[in-house]
Amino acid sequence: MFLAPPSLRNMFLTGWILAVFSMTALAEDKPLFEDKFSRKLAEGWTWVDEVPGSWQASDSGLELKVLPVGEGLWGGGRKHPNLLLRDPGKPGDYAVEVQIKSQPTSQFEHAGLILFADGDNYVMLNKEMFEKPEVTLIMEKGAKPVRVSKPYEHEAICLRLTVAGKKAMAQYRHYDTDEWQTLGEYELPVAGPYKIGVQAGQPPKDADHRALFTQFRILPATAVAVATGQPTKAGPELKKRPIRTDIALAVQARQAADRAIPYIEKDGTAWIKDRKCLSCHYAGYMLWSFHDARERGFNIDQAKFAEWTKWSLSQDKNHGAEGAAQSLLARDRSDAREDTVKLIAALGEFIISKQEKDGLWKPGGQLPSQKRPLSETTQVSTMLCLLGLATIDQPNEKTTLSRDKAVAWIKNTPPNGKDPAVSGEWYTMRLLVEKKFGVPKAVEALRDQILAAQQSDGGWGWLWADKSDAFGTGLALYALAEGGVPSSHPAIEKAWKFLIETQTDDGSWIVHGTKTGTKDKPHPMSSFWGSTWALMGLSKSLPDAAIKAASAAQ
């Protein structure tokens, strides 16, 4: 019977860099099987107790209606409806992964993965509601179930079950660029054979709830072992790119910015294609950096930029106010077409709807878990939303009131109580806010603080107490340029040198994670963010002569 489912350089000298940055390639390049559930199911799927009309495969993925299953899924002769199963396709060890969006609200409502031998012997990994949403691992052997679970608060989740020998290990993460978190491990209940698949069940009475499944994959367990952080052989030390003496430093800085553009486009558009959302600010940062680079004469494809901008302005607004604000900051301000004006108005309304009564915006998604005080992250989110609303040229009364409330809250609220702000992001955002809504003396004071925080290697860390990285250095360059520091200033030239020297061959920069759990190791998402800000800082701080040289070359 089934239980009711209750130092940066030092890092370069180790194999951990390879583990982190090859994580996606090793685990994703050669899946044994992959189905995005786009419009149809791939060959090889079978239904157990299918309920016609209760599922559909669309551009978004596989949508399963959450159906009642009684007090037990198979208890009393009942079976779980709409089990979608397939053969693993290989003997021996393997891993199965899926991405899910669900919002369970009642006790035992769930959606997830299953390793299915029969109704009394199986392993399930679900996002499930108990007293609050949790991620839970259930193993039933001979109709006797056991389980382990942890709280989980987000709508989206990535689940993985790894079968190795006689054991099944459960892991989960929020976004597919996060580190996997291990939930638990159980012995397989029987020798098998097993089918693998997805399922959803136990909605509130008379409710029409849906769970969305995407990116179903079966992978070799060897790839998963490296992806989960097992050490590999040490890689070579990342060598500095030399500063040339026969080419002007500003021209070399411009070349570094040029090298970054293809990388940012490649990773940013891949996120748009695969995730179809503004999550994690991949699309937002790409568009913002391309908008500023394009204004400064860099070769950004106009047709592509228009397409990406229209996509971002048209997105479902369930991705946080920060993403909407970035879309406003990144848009082509000369586009006054009627449909664009309507989209901008809708984004503004959405941002305002997320504002708290006292004028702040709470940070969304995983931003609260960043490696700085939550109060400071809240200020950064609030300043970003305010700057987004500031792009609306003819604000209505509601927008003006919202902006005024935000400005008042920012000016009356210290970032961390009695302690100063610790992140370069706060200082950059605050300088931009003061330039737009404050007084010149405040801008000058912030500019001087940023200059004083520059490290001996010419860079800044995202956290000023950390070693220099492209994220913090790009933010600082952007702020200094906005604060009126000329490109000939020694601090600007030192920052260019740092970015030139530390850029990788693919145009990116390596940056450690901004979350508490990833702060001590490089992380793909932070590296993407840092690379976009490096492009923004370079393009904003370069002299007009270097920009003209770029335009002439184009």
Protein backbone atom coordinates (compact mmCIF):
# COMPACT_ATOMS: atom_id res chain seq x y z
CA MET A 1 0.00 0.00 0.00
CA PHE A 2 1.30 3.46 -0.90
CA LEU A 3 1.86 6.06 1.82
CA ALA A 4 0.03 9.31 1.25
CA PRO A 5 3.07 11.33 0.07
CA PRO A 6 3.71 13.23 3.26
CA SER A 7 41.79 32.70 -3.29
CA LEU A 8 40.32 32.96 -7.06
CA ARG A 9 43.65 32.08 -8.57
CA ASN A 10 44.19 29.27 -6.15
CA MET A 11 40.98 27.84 -7.45
CA PHE A 12 42.43 27.82 -10.94
CA LEU A 13 45.05 25.37 -9.72
CA THR A 14 42.50 22.70 -8.79
CA GLY A 15 40.12 20.51 -10.68
CA TRP A 16 37.13 22.26 -9.20
CA ILE A 17 37.07 24.85 -11.97
CA LEU A 18 36.83 22.06 -14.48
CA ALA A 19 34.08 20.43 -12.47
CA VAL A 20 32.05 23.61 -12.26
CA PHE A 21 32.46 24.84 -15.80
CA SER A 22 32.26 21.46 -17.44
CA MET A 23 29.18 20.67 -15.40
CA THR A 24 26.81 21.66 -18.15
CA ALA A 25 28.87 20.24 -20.98
CA LEU A 26 29.53 16.88 -19.34
CA ALA A 27 25.97 16.39 -18.19
CA GLU A 28 24.20 17.91 -21.17
CA ASP A 29 26.29 17.30 -24.29
CA LYS A 30 25.51 13.60 -24.61
CA PRO A 31 22.26 12.63 -22.88
CA LEU A 32 21.16 9.07 -23.46
CA PHE A 33 17.66 10.40 -24.04
CA GLU A 34 16.09 13.85 -24.02
CA ASP A 35 12.52 15.10 -24.40
CA LYS A 36 11.51 18.74 -23.97
CA PHE A 37 7.86 17.68 -24.36
CA SER A 38 7.49 20.38 -27.01
CA ARG A 39 4.13 19.85 -28.78
CA LYS A 40 4.40 16.06 -28.70
CA LEU A 41 5.85 13.16 -26.77
CA ALA A 42 8.97 11.44 -28.07
CA GLU A 43 8.86 7.81 -29.13
CA GLY A 44 8.95 5.22 -26.35
CA TRP A 45 6.60 6.73 -23.77
CA THR A 46 3.71 4.70 -22.40
CA TRP A 47 0.84 5.70 -20.15
CA VAL A 48 -0.34 3.77 -17.12
CA ASP A 49 -3.99 4.56 -16.37
CA GLU A 50 -4.14 7.51 -18.75
CA VAL A 51 -7.04 9.91 -18.24
CA PRO A 52 -7.92 11.28 -21.70
CA GLY A 53 -8.06 15.06 -21.91
CA SER A 54 -6.05 15.58 -18.73
CA TRP A 55 -2.69 16.32 -20.35
CA GLN A 56 -1.25 18.23 -23.30
CA ALA A 57 2.17 18.83 -24.86
CA SER A 58 2.66 22.41 -26.06
CA ASP A 59 5.48 24.84 -26.82
CA SER A 60 5.85 25.29 -23.06
CA GLY A 61 6.21 21.58 -22.25
CA LEU A 62 4.06 18.77 -20.87
CA GLU A 63 1.14 19.96 -18.78
CA LEU A 64 -0.34 17.31 -16.49
CA LYS A 65 -3.57 17.93 -14.68
CA VAL A 66 -3.15 17.10 -10.99
CA LEU A 67 -5.70 14.34 -10.44
CA PRO A 68 -7.15 12.82 -7.25
CA VAL A 69 -5.68 9.53 -6.10
CA GLY A 70 -7.51 8.91 -2.81
CA GLU A 71 -5.80 8.20 0.49
CA GLY A 72 -3.22 5.95 -1.15
CA LEU A 73 -1.96 5.92 -4.69
CA TRP A 74 -2.30 2.20 -5.14
CA GLY A 75 -3.97 1.33 -1.86
CA GLY A 76 -7.31 -0.44 -1.96
CA GLY A 77 -6.88 -1.38 -5.60
CA ARG A 78 -6.49 2.21 -6.74
CA LYS A 79 -3.76 3.22 -9.14
CA HIS A 80 -2.08 6.56 -9.71
CA PRO A 81 -3.61 8.09 -12.84
CA ASN A 82 -1.50 9.43 -15.69
CA LEU A 83 1.80 7.74 -14.95
CA LEU A 84 4.00 8.55 -17.96
CA LEU A 85 6.77 5.94 -18.12
CA ARG A 86 9.56 4.69 -20.37
CA ASP A 87 12.43 2.21 -20.27
CA PRO A 88 15.75 3.74 -19.07
CA GLY A 89 17.29 2.49 -22.31
CA LYS A 90 20.51 1.14 -20.85
CA PRO A 91 21.63 -1.48 -18.33
CA GLY A 92 23.60 -0.39 -15.30
CA ASP A 93 23.87 3.08 -13.79
CA TYR A 94 22.10 6.18 -15.08
CA ALA A 95 20.44 9.42 -13.94
CA VAL A 96 17.09 10.92 -14.84
CA GLU A 97 16.30 14.64 -14.60
CA VAL A 98 13.29 16.87 -15.19
CA GLN A 99 12.32 20.51 -14.67
CA ILE A 100 8.94 21.23 -13.11
CA LYS A 101 6.74 24.21 -12.35
CA SER A 102 3.98 23.56 -9.85
CA GLN A 103 2.19 25.35 -7.02
CA PRO A 104 0.77 22.77 -4.60
CA THR A 105 -1.65 24.16 -2.04
CA SER A 106 -3.23 21.19 -0.24
CA GLN A 107 -1.86 18.33 1.84
CA PHE A 108 0.03 15.73 -0.23
CA GLU A 109 -0.44 17.51 -3.56
CA HIS A 110 2.64 16.58 -5.57
CA ALA A 111 4.46 16.41 -8.92
CA GLY A 112 7.73 14.72 -9.71
CA LEU A 113 9.84 11.79 -10.93
CA ILE A 114 9.29 8.09 -10.37
CA LEU A 115 11.34 4.88 -10.63
CA PHE A 116 8.56 2.32 -10.97
CA ALA A 117 8.82 -1.43 -10.53
CA ASP A 118 5.23 -2.01 -9.43
CA GLY A 119 2.58 -0.45 -7.20
CA ASP A 120 4.27 -1.60 -4.00
CA ASN A 121 7.91 -1.09 -5.03
CA TYR A 122 9.07 2.26 -6.36
CA VAL A 123 11.07 5.43 -5.64
CA MET A 124 9.51 8.90 -6.06
CA LEU A 125 11.10 12.36 -5.91
CA ASN A 126 8.46 15.08 -5.67
CA LYS A 127 7.79 18.69 -5.01
CA GLU A 128 4.97 18.24 -2.54
CA MET A 129 2.80 20.05 -0.02
CA PHE A 130 2.82 19.01 3.61
CA GLU A 131 2.38 21.82 6.12
CA LYS A 132 4.37 23.85 3.60
CA PRO A 133 5.92 23.04 0.20
CA GLU A 134 8.78 20.57 0.39
CA VAL A 135 10.94 18.42 -1.85
CA THR A 136 10.47 14.83 -0.75
CA LEU A 137 12.01 11.44 -1.51
CA ILE A 138 9.80 8.37 -0.98
CA MET A 139 10.85 4.75 -1.24
CA GLU A 140 8.29 1.98 -0.88
CA LYS A 141 9.36 -1.65 -0.54
CA GLY A 142 6.75 -4.34 -0.23
CA ALA A 143 4.06 -1.74 0.49
CA LYS A 144 6.12 -0.26 3.36
CA PRO A 145 7.14 3.34 2.59
CA VAL A 146 9.81 5.61 4.07
CA ARG A 147 10.53 9.20 3.18
CA VAL A 148 12.83 12.19 3.75
CA SER A 149 12.05 15.80 2.86
CA LYS A 150 13.27 19.39 3.07
CA PRO A 151 11.40 22.72 2.78
CA TYR A 152 11.30 24.22 -0.72
CA GLU A 153 9.67 27.57 -1.49
CA HIS A 154 10.01 28.20 -5.24
CA GLU A 155 7.54 27.43 -8.03
CA ALA A 156 10.21 25.97 -10.33
CA ILE A 157 12.42 23.04 -9.43
CA CYS A 158 14.90 20.71 -11.15
CA LEU A 159 14.82 17.11 -9.91
CA ARG A 160 17.35 14.32 -10.41
CA LEU A 161 17.32 10.63 -9.45
CA THR A 162 20.63 8.80 -9.93
CA VAL A 163 20.64 4.99 -9.99
CA ALA A 164 24.08 3.61 -9.07
CA GLY A 165 24.35 -0.07 -8.25
CA LYS A 166 21.55 -0.94 -5.85
CA LYS A 167 20.95 2.63 -4.67
CA ALA A 168 18.95 5.66 -5.81
CA MET A 169 20.15 9.15 -4.85
CA ALA A 170 17.84 12.17 -4.97
CA GLN A 171 19.00 15.71 -5.76
CA TYR A 172 17.30 19.01 -6.53
CA ARG A 173 18.03 22.63 -7.40
CA HIS A 174 16.06 25.74 -8.29
CA TYR A 175 17.58 26.80 -11.61
CA ASP A 176 19.59 24.58 -13.92
CA THR A 177 22.68 26.76 -13.31
CA ASP A 178 22.61 26.16 -9.55
CA GLU A 179 24.57 23.56 -7.62
CA TRP A 180 22.73 20.31 -7.03
CA GLN A 181 21.57 19.77 -3.44
CA THR A 182 21.45 16.17 -2.19
CA LEU A 183 18.22 15.23 -0.43
CA GLY A 184 18.88 11.58 0.40
CA GLU A 185 19.63 8.08 -0.79
CA TYR A 186 17.77 4.77 -0.48
CA GLU A 187 18.38 1.17 -1.46
CA LEU A 188 16.27 0.22 -4.47
CA PRO A 189 13.28 -1.77 -3.17
CA VAL A 190 13.68 -4.64 -5.68
CA ALA A 191 16.16 -5.69 -8.34
CA GLY A 192 13.91 -4.41 -11.11
CA PRO A 193 13.32 -3.96 -13.94
CA TYR A 194 12.29 -0.32 -13.51
CA LYS A 195 10.47 2.15 -15.68
CA ILE A 196 11.17 5.85 -15.22
CA GLY A 197 8.87 8.81 -15.72
CA VAL A 198 6.75 11.62 -14.33
CA GLN A 199 3.51 11.97 -12.40
CA ALA A 200 1.32 14.49 -10.52
CA GLY A 201 -1.52 13.94 -8.05
CA GLN A 202 -3.64 14.88 -5.01
CA PRO A 203 -5.10 18.35 -5.83
CA PRO A 204 -7.49 20.22 -3.53
CA LYS A 205 -11.08 19.11 -3.87
CA ASP A 206 -12.70 20.36 -7.09
CA ALA A 207 -9.55 22.31 -8.03
CA ASP A 208 -8.06 22.47 -11.53
CA HIS A 209 -4.32 22.43 -10.84
CA ARG A 210 -1.62 21.77 -13.44
CA ALA A 211 2.05 20.81 -13.26
CA LEU A 212 4.37 21.73 -16.13
CA PHE A 213 7.22 19.35 -17.04
CA THR A 214 10.14 20.25 -19.34
CA GLN A 215 13.70 19.13 -20.08
CA PHE A 216 13.32 15.43 -19.28
CA ARG A 217 16.71 13.73 -19.71
CA ILE A 218 18.41 10.40 -19.07
CA LEU A 219 22.16 10.72 -18.57
CA PRO A 220 25.08 8.37 -18.00
CA ALA A 221 25.91 8.23 -14.31
CA THR A 222 29.58 8.95 -15.08
CA ALA A 223 28.69 12.40 -16.40
CA VAL A 224 26.54 13.09 -13.36
CA ALA A 225 29.39 12.11 -11.01
CA VAL A 226 31.60 14.88 -12.44
CA ALA A 227 28.72 17.34 -12.54
CA THR A 228 28.05 16.89 -8.84
CA GLY A 229 31.53 18.11 -7.96
CA GLN A 230 33.76 15.05 -7.69
CA PRO A 231 37.36 16.21 -8.23
CA THR A 232 39.00 15.83 -11.61
CA LYS A 233 42.62 16.23 -12.47
CA ALA A 234 44.00 19.69 -11.89
CA GLY A 235 43.81 21.99 -14.90
CA PRO A 236 46.39 24.49 -16.02
CA GLU A 237 46.58 27.87 -14.36
CA LEU A 238 44.62 30.53 -16.18
CA LYS A 239 47.22 32.73 -17.82
CA LYS A 240 46.86 36.48 -17.97
CA ARG A 241 46.24 37.97 -21.37
CA PRO A 242 49.26 40.23 -21.96
CA ILE A 243 48.88 44.00 -22.25
CA ARG A 244 50.41 45.02 -25.57
CA THR A 245 52.68 48.04 -25.85
CA ASP A 246 52.16 48.57 -29.58
CA ILE A 247 48.39 49.14 -29.31
CA ALA A 248 46.68 51.91 -27.34
CA LEU A 249 45.22 50.64 -24.07
CA ALA A 250 41.77 52.03 -24.93
CA VAL A 251 41.81 50.08 -28.20
CA GLN A 252 42.69 46.89 -26.32
CA ALA A 253 39.82 47.57 -23.93
CA ARG A 254 37.50 48.02 -26.89
CA GLN A 255 38.74 44.71 -28.29
CA ALA A 256 37.96 43.00 -24.98
CA ALA A 257 34.42 44.34 -25.18
CA ASP A 258 34.13 43.09 -28.77
CA ARG A 259 35.24 39.61 -27.67
CA ALA A 260 32.57 39.52 -24.98
CA ILE A 261 29.64 40.16 -27.32
CA PRO A 262 29.50 36.74 -29.07
CA TYR A 263 29.78 34.92 -25.74
CA ILE A 264 26.99 36.97 -24.18
CA GLU A 265 24.76 36.48 -27.22
CA LYS A 266 25.40 32.74 -27.28
CA ASP A 267 24.62 32.10 -23.62
CA GLY A 268 21.87 34.72 -23.36
CA THR A 269 19.93 33.50 -26.40
CA ALA A 270 20.36 29.89 -25.30
CA TRP A 271 18.64 30.83 -22.04
CA ILE A 272 15.81 32.48 -23.95
CA LYS A 273 15.40 29.46 -26.22
CA ASP A 274 15.61 26.80 -23.55
CA ARG A 275 13.93 28.54 -20.61
CA LYS A 276 11.61 30.96 -22.40
CA CYS A 277 11.68 33.30 -19.43
CA LEU A 278 13.46 36.25 -17.82
CA SER A 279 14.60 34.13 -14.87
CA CYS A 280 18.02 34.76 -13.39
CA HIS A 281 18.39 37.96 -15.40
CA TYR A 282 20.19 36.24 -18.27
CA ALA A 283 18.04 37.95 -20.89
CA GLY A 284 17.78 41.18 -18.92
CA TYR A 285 21.51 41.60 -18.47
CA MET A 286 22.21 40.59 -22.06
CA LEU A 287 19.77 43.16 -23.42
CA TRP A 288 20.88 45.92 -21.06
CA SER A 289 24.54 45.39 -21.92
CA PHE A 290 23.76 45.23 -25.66
CA HIS A 291 21.59 48.35 -25.44
CA ASP A 292 24.41 50.37 -23.88
CA ALA A 293 27.06 48.89 -26.20
CA ARG A 294 24.90 49.62 -29.25
CA GLU A 295 24.43 53.23 -28.16
CA ARG A 296 28.21 53.52 -27.91
CA GLY A 297 28.73 52.29 -31.48
CA PHE A 298 29.41 48.59 -31.01
CA ASN A 299 28.23 46.14 -33.61
CA ILE A 300 25.00 44.75 -32.16
CA ASP A 301 22.70 43.26 -34.79
CA GLN A 302 19.75 45.66 -34.92
CA ALA A 303 17.20 43.14 -36.15
CA LYS A 304 18.13 40.60 -33.49
CA PHE A 305 18.14 43.26 -30.79
CA ALA A 306 14.65 44.39 -31.81
CA GLU A 307 13.43 40.79 -31.75
CA TRP A 308 14.91 40.09 -28.31
CA THR A 309 13.55 43.37 -26.94
CA LYS A 310 10.05 42.66 -28.18
CA TRP A 311 10.25 39.21 -26.64
CA SER A 312 11.36 40.58 -23.26
CA LEU A 313 8.67 43.26 -23.18
CA SER A 314 6.02 40.67 -24.02
CA GLN A 315 6.96 38.12 -21.36
CA ASP A 316 4.65 36.75 -18.73
CA LYS A 317 5.26 38.97 -15.72
CA ASN A 318 5.60 36.08 -13.24
CA HIS A 319 9.36 36.45 -13.13
CA GLY A 320 9.82 39.22 -10.57
CA ALA A 321 9.83 42.99 -10.79
CA GLU A 322 13.61 43.12 -11.30
CA GLY A 323 13.36 41.36 -14.68
CA ALA A 324 10.66 43.77 -15.80
CA ALA A 325 12.80 46.73 -14.72
CA GLN A 326 15.73 45.40 -16.74
CA SER A 327 13.49 45.10 -19.79
CA LEU A 328 12.60 48.78 -19.46
CA LEU A 329 16.23 49.79 -19.00
CA ALA A 330 17.30 47.71 -22.02
CA ARG A 331 14.68 48.81 -24.53
CA ASP A 332 15.16 51.06 -27.54
CA ARG A 333 13.92 54.42 -26.23
CA SER A 334 13.23 55.65 -29.78
CA ASP A 335 10.61 52.96 -30.39
CA ALA A 336 7.31 54.84 -30.02
CA ARG A 337 5.08 52.37 -31.85
CA GLU A 338 1.65 51.91 -30.33
CA ASP A 339 2.13 48.25 -29.44
CA THR A 340 5.48 49.00 -27.78
CA VAL A 341 3.97 51.84 -25.76
CA LYS A 342 1.28 49.46 -24.51
CA LEU A 343 3.85 46.85 -23.52
CA ILE A 344 5.89 49.46 -21.64
CA ALA A 345 2.81 50.67 -19.81
CA ALA A 346 1.95 47.10 -18.82
CA LEU A 347 5.46 46.50 -17.50
CA GLY A 348 5.27 49.69 -15.47
CA GLU A 349 1.94 48.64 -14.00
CA PHE A 350 3.37 45.24 -13.13
CA ILE A 351 6.39 46.74 -11.35
CA ILE A 352 4.15 49.10 -9.38
CA SER A 353 1.87 46.22 -8.39
CA LYS A 354 4.82 44.50 -6.71
CA GLN A 355 5.81 47.54 -4.64
CA GLU A 356 5.29 47.40 -0.88
CA LYS A 357 3.30 50.12 0.88
CA ASP A 358 6.39 51.78 2.33
CA GLY A 359 7.98 52.09 -1.13
CA LEU A 360 10.38 49.15 -1.33
CA TRP A 361 10.42 46.10 -3.59
CA LYS A 362 11.23 42.75 -2.03
CA PRO A 363 13.94 40.82 -3.87
CA GLY A 364 12.58 37.95 -5.90
CA GLY A 365 13.68 34.42 -6.75
CA GLN A 366 16.99 33.42 -5.24
CA LEU A 367 18.21 36.98 -4.64
CA PRO A 368 17.48 36.77 -0.89
CA SER A 369 20.10 34.02 -0.61
CA GLN A 370 22.93 36.22 -1.88
CA LYS A 371 26.13 36.54 0.16
CA ARG A 372 25.29 39.97 1.57
CA PRO A 373 22.70 41.22 4.08
CA LEU A 374 19.11 40.86 2.92
CA SER A 375 18.52 44.54 3.72
CA GLU A 376 21.14 45.48 1.13
CA THR A 377 19.71 43.13 -1.47
CA THR A 378 16.30 44.71 -0.84
CA GLN A 379 17.77 48.14 -1.49
CA VAL A 380 19.37 46.99 -4.75
CA SER A 381 16.09 45.47 -5.97
CA THR A 382 14.26 48.67 -5.02
CA MET A 383 16.77 50.90 -6.79
CA LEU A 384 16.66 48.70 -9.92
CA CYS A 385 12.86 48.89 -10.05
CA LEU A 386 12.99 52.66 -9.51
CA LEU A 387 15.49 53.06 -12.36
CA GLY A 388 13.26 50.97 -14.60
CA LEU A 389 10.26 53.19 -13.87
CA ALA A 390 12.47 56.24 -14.46
CA THR A 391 12.74 55.29 -18.15
CA ILE A 392 9.04 56.04 -18.67
CA ASP A 393 9.16 59.47 -20.29
CA GLN A 394 5.59 60.55 -19.59
CA PRO A 395 4.68 58.92 -16.27
CA ASN A 396 1.11 59.02 -15.07
CA GLU A 397 0.18 59.98 -11.54
CA LYS A 398 0.42 56.40 -10.29
CA THR A 399 3.93 55.98 -11.67
CA THR A 400 5.08 59.30 -10.25
CA LEU A 401 3.71 58.40 -6.82
CA SER A 402 5.45 55.03 -6.94
CA ARG A 403 8.76 56.62 -7.85
CA ASP A 404 8.43 59.24 -5.10
CA LYS A 405 7.71 56.56 -2.48
CA ALA A 406 10.73 54.55 -3.60
CA VAL A 407 13.06 57.58 -3.51
CA ALA A 408 11.86 58.48 -0.01
CA TRP A 409 12.34 54.93 1.27
CA ILE A 410 15.84 54.67 -0.22
CA LYS A 411 16.98 58.00 1.23
CA ASN A 412 15.52 57.27 4.68
CA THR A 413 16.69 53.66 5.00
CA PRO A 414 20.34 52.75 5.63
CA PRO A 415 21.48 49.73 3.60
CA ASN A 416 22.50 47.64 6.62
CA GLY A 417 21.42 49.47 9.74
CA LYS A 418 24.49 51.09 11.28
CA ASP A 419 26.84 49.28 8.88
CA PRO A 420 27.77 50.52 5.40
CA ALA A 421 26.92 48.69 2.20
CA VAL A 422 29.29 45.87 1.30
CA SER A 423 28.61 45.24 -2.41
CA GLY A 424 29.73 47.21 -5.43
CA GLU A 425 26.28 46.65 -6.89
CA TRP A 426 24.71 48.78 -4.14
CA TYR A 427 27.14 51.68 -4.74
CA THR A 428 26.56 51.61 -8.50
CA MET A 429 22.78 51.52 -8.19
CA ARG A 430 22.80 54.25 -5.55
CA LEU A 431 24.96 56.49 -7.73
CA LEU A 432 22.55 56.02 -10.64
CA VAL A 433 19.59 56.84 -8.38
CA GLU A 434 21.28 59.94 -6.99
CA LYS A 435 22.17 61.11 -10.49
CA LYS A 436 18.55 60.81 -11.54
CA PHE A 437 16.73 61.88 -8.37
CA GLY A 438 19.37 63.37 -6.04
CA VAL A 439 21.97 66.12 -5.96
CA PRO A 440 25.47 66.36 -7.53
CA LYS A 441 27.23 66.28 -4.15
CA ALA A 442 25.75 62.86 -3.40
CA VAL A 443 26.96 61.55 -6.76
CA GLU A 444 30.43 62.92 -6.08
CA ALA A 445 30.57 61.31 -2.63
CA LEU A 446 29.61 57.90 -4.04
CA ARG A 447 32.08 58.30 -6.89
CA ASP A 448 34.87 58.99 -4.40
CA GLN A 449 33.93 55.95 -2.32
CA ILE A 450 34.10 53.73 -5.40
CA LEU A 451 37.49 55.16 -6.39
CA ALA A 452 38.83 54.55 -2.88
CA ALA A 453 37.72 50.89 -2.96
CA GLN A 454 39.78 49.99 -6.05
CA GLN A 455 42.21 47.16 -5.33
CA SER A 456 45.90 47.07 -6.22
CA ASP A 457 45.27 44.85 -9.28
CA GLY A 458 42.97 47.52 -10.75
CA GLY A 459 39.69 45.75 -10.06
CA TRP A 460 36.88 45.56 -7.55
CA GLY A 461 35.08 42.56 -6.14
CA TRP A 462 31.30 42.18 -6.30
CA LEU A 463 31.69 42.30 -2.56
CA TRP A 464 34.33 44.93 -1.97
CA ALA A 465 36.01 42.75 0.67
CA ASP A 466 36.47 39.92 -1.88
CA LYS A 467 39.14 39.58 -4.54
CA SER A 468 38.65 41.53 -7.76
CA ASP A 469 36.36 40.09 -10.42
CA ALA A 470 34.74 41.23 -13.64
CA PHE A 471 31.34 41.67 -12.00
CA GLY A 472 32.54 44.21 -9.42
CA THR A 473 34.94 45.86 -11.87
CA GLY A 474 32.30 46.30 -14.55
CA LEU A 475 29.89 47.79 -12.02
CA ALA A 476 32.55 50.23 -10.80
CA LEU A 477 33.55 51.30 -14.33
CA TYR A 478 29.92 51.91 -15.22
CA ALA A 479 29.35 54.02 -12.10
CA LEU A 480 32.55 56.02 -12.50
CA ALA A 481 31.69 56.85 -16.11
CA GLU A 482 28.18 57.89 -15.07
CA GLY A 483 29.74 59.93 -12.26
CA GLY A 484 31.84 61.96 -14.70
CA VAL A 485 35.25 60.31 -14.28
CA PRO A 486 37.11 60.75 -17.60
CA SER A 487 38.49 57.80 -19.52
CA SER A 488 42.01 59.17 -19.04
CA HIS A 489 41.77 58.78 -15.23
CA PRO A 490 44.35 56.30 -13.88
CA ALA A 491 41.64 54.30 -12.09
CA ILE A 492 39.80 53.74 -15.37
CA GLU A 493 42.94 52.59 -17.16
CA LYS A 494 43.87 50.23 -14.29
CA ALA A 495 40.39 48.70 -14.48
CA TRP A 496 40.70 48.21 -18.24
CA LYS A 497 44.01 46.40 -17.68
CA PHE A 498 42.40 44.10 -15.12
CA LEU A 499 39.58 43.17 -17.48
CA ILE A 500 41.89 42.68 -20.46
CA GLU A 501 44.22 40.43 -18.46
CA THR A 502 41.52 38.24 -16.92
CA GLN A 503 39.25 37.67 -19.94
CA THR A 504 39.10 34.06 -21.11
CA ASP A 505 39.51 32.93 -24.71
CA ASP A 506 35.75 32.57 -25.25
CA GLY A 507 35.15 36.24 -24.31
CA SER A 508 33.83 35.60 -20.81
CA TRP A 509 35.20 36.29 -17.35
CA ILE A 510 35.22 33.79 -14.49
CA VAL A 511 33.31 34.99 -11.41
CA HIS A 512 32.56 33.25 -8.13
CA GLY A 513 28.96 32.73 -7.12
CA THR A 514 27.00 35.56 -5.51
CA LYS A 515 24.98 33.20 -3.30
CA THR A 516 26.05 31.98 0.11
CA GLY A 517 26.18 28.39 -1.12
CA THR A 518 28.37 29.14 -4.16
CA LYS A 519 30.54 32.00 -2.91
CA ASP A 520 33.75 29.97 -2.78
CA LYS A 521 33.72 28.63 -6.31
CA PRO A 522 33.23 29.90 -9.87
CA HIS A 523 29.63 29.77 -11.06
CA PRO A 524 28.28 29.98 -14.65
CA MET A 525 25.45 32.36 -13.77
CA SER A 526 27.69 34.80 -11.90
CA SER A 527 30.23 34.58 -14.71
CA PHE A 528 27.53 35.52 -17.21
CA TRP A 529 26.34 38.42 -15.07
CA GLY A 530 29.93 39.56 -14.54
CA SER A 531 30.66 39.38 -18.27
CA THR A 532 27.63 41.52 -19.12
CA TRP A 533 28.64 44.12 -16.55
CA ALA A 534 32.21 44.04 -17.86
CA LEU A 535 30.83 44.85 -21.32
CA MET A 536 28.66 47.61 -19.84
CA GLY A 537 31.56 49.11 -17.89
CA LEU A 538 33.93 48.98 -20.85
CA SER A 539 31.50 50.44 -23.38
CA LYS A 540 30.42 53.19 -20.98
CA SER A 541 33.97 54.21 -19.98
CA LEU A 542 35.74 54.04 -23.36
CA PRO A 543 36.69 57.36 -25.00
CA ASP A 544 34.84 58.49 -28.09
CA ALA A 545 37.97 57.95 -30.22
CA ALA A 546 37.99 54.24 -29.41
CA ILE A 547 34.27 54.01 -30.14
CA LYS A 548 34.75 55.75 -33.48
CA ALA A 549 37.52 53.29 -34.28
CA ALA A 550 35.11 50.46 -33.55
CA SER A 551 32.44 52.02 -35.75
CA ALA A 552 34.91 52.51 -38.59
CA ALA A 553 35.99 48.90 -38.37
CA GLN A 554 32.37 47.79 -38.56
